[in-house]
Protein backbone atom coordinates (compact mmCIF):
# COMPACT_ATOMS: atom_id res chain seq x y z
CA UNK A 1 14.62 2.75 -33.99
CA UNK A 2 15.13 -1.02 -33.85
CA UNK A 3 17.49 -0.61 -30.90
CA UNK A 4 14.83 1.25 -28.95
CA UNK A 5 12.18 -1.36 -29.77
CA UNK A 6 14.55 -4.20 -28.76
CA UNK A 7 15.37 -2.42 -25.50
CA UNK A 8 11.66 -1.93 -24.79
CA UNK A 9 10.89 -5.57 -25.46
CA UNK A 10 13.72 -6.67 -23.19
CA UNK A 11 12.47 -4.42 -20.37
CA UNK A 12 8.94 -5.74 -20.83
CA UNK A 13 10.15 -9.35 -20.74
CA UNK A 14 12.20 -8.69 -17.59
CA UNK A 15 9.29 -6.89 -15.89
CA UNK A 16 6.86 -9.76 -16.47
CA UNK A 17 9.40 -12.31 -15.28
CA UNK A 18 10.01 -10.68 -11.90
CA UNK A 19 9.43 -13.15 -9.07
CA UNK A 20 6.12 -12.74 -7.28
CA UNK A 21 6.20 -12.97 -3.51
CA UNK A 22 4.26 -16.00 -2.30
CA UNK A 23 3.93 -14.47 1.17
CA UNK A 24 0.94 -12.18 1.46
CA UNK A 25 1.49 -8.87 3.25
CA UNK A 26 -1.54 -6.93 4.52
CA UNK A 27 -0.98 -3.75 6.53
CA UNK A 28 -2.76 -0.63 7.67
CA UNK A 29 -0.17 2.06 8.41
CA UNK A 30 -1.01 5.22 10.37
CA UNK A 31 1.33 8.22 10.32
CA UNK A 32 0.24 10.81 12.88
CA UNK A 33 1.14 14.50 12.96
CA UNK A 34 3.59 14.53 10.06
CA UNK A 35 2.24 17.84 8.70
CA UNK A 36 2.69 20.89 10.97
CA UNK A 37 -0.11 22.73 9.12
CA UNK A 38 -2.67 20.04 10.04
CA UNK A 39 -2.15 19.22 13.75
CA UNK A 40 -4.05 16.13 14.88
CA UNK A 41 -4.45 14.83 11.35
CA UNK A 42 -2.65 11.86 9.91
CA UNK A 43 -2.23 9.65 6.90
CA UNK A 44 -3.72 6.15 6.74
CA UNK A 45 -2.38 3.71 4.15
CA UNK A 46 -4.00 0.34 3.46
CA UNK A 47 -1.75 -2.01 1.49
CA UNK A 48 -2.01 -5.61 0.34
CA UNK A 49 0.62 -7.46 -1.69
CA UNK A 50 0.83 -11.14 -2.58
CA UNK A 51 0.09 -13.77 -5.19
CA UNK A 52 -3.34 -12.25 -5.90
CA UNK A 53 -1.83 -8.86 -6.76
CA UNK A 54 -1.03 -5.49 -5.24
CA UNK A 55 -3.48 -2.99 -3.78
CA UNK A 56 -2.81 0.40 -2.16
CA UNK A 57 -5.11 3.06 -0.75
CA UNK A 58 -4.10 6.21 1.13
CA UNK A 59 -6.19 8.90 2.82
CA UNK A 60 -5.71 11.95 5.07
CA UNK A 61 -7.94 11.88 8.18
CA UNK A 62 -8.61 14.07 11.22
CA UNK A 63 -8.71 11.04 13.56
CA UNK A 64 -6.42 8.57 11.79
CA UNK A 65 -6.32 5.89 14.52
CA UNK A 66 -10.10 5.85 14.80
CA UNK A 67 -10.36 5.55 11.02
CA UNK A 68 -7.88 2.65 10.99
CA UNK A 69 -9.70 0.85 13.84
CA UNK A 70 -13.02 1.26 12.04
CA UNK A 71 -11.51 -0.26 8.87
CA UNK A 72 -10.04 -3.18 10.86
CA UNK A 73 -13.52 -3.96 12.20
CA UNK A 74 -14.76 -4.47 8.64
CA UNK A 75 -14.74 -8.06 7.41
CA UNK A 76 -12.36 -7.46 4.49
CA UNK A 77 -9.66 -5.96 6.76
CA UNK A 78 -9.83 -8.42 9.72
CA UNK A 79 -6.45 -10.01 8.95
CA UNK A 80 -4.55 -6.76 8.33
CA UNK A 81 -1.70 -5.76 10.65
CA UNK A 82 -1.81 -2.25 12.19
CA UNK A 83 1.40 -0.21 12.12
CA UNK A 84 1.54 3.21 13.86
CA UNK A 85 4.38 5.59 13.03
């Protein structure tokens, strides 16, 4: 039992000592037509990672590019980079 606890503590210590990226990455990724059962639909993923933390949101939309453009017009997403796949 002590071995397991020691291993857990070591993993926890290593996890909290991982280097945090100082460069902030903010992207909106659109994947169009990846599902043959839903033609015209796509997946939109909004991701932010940096010194302030990590955030991820994903949704399935009928008009994914329009959805992404609408989000980019909002104040909180002005500096996000659009990636279309």
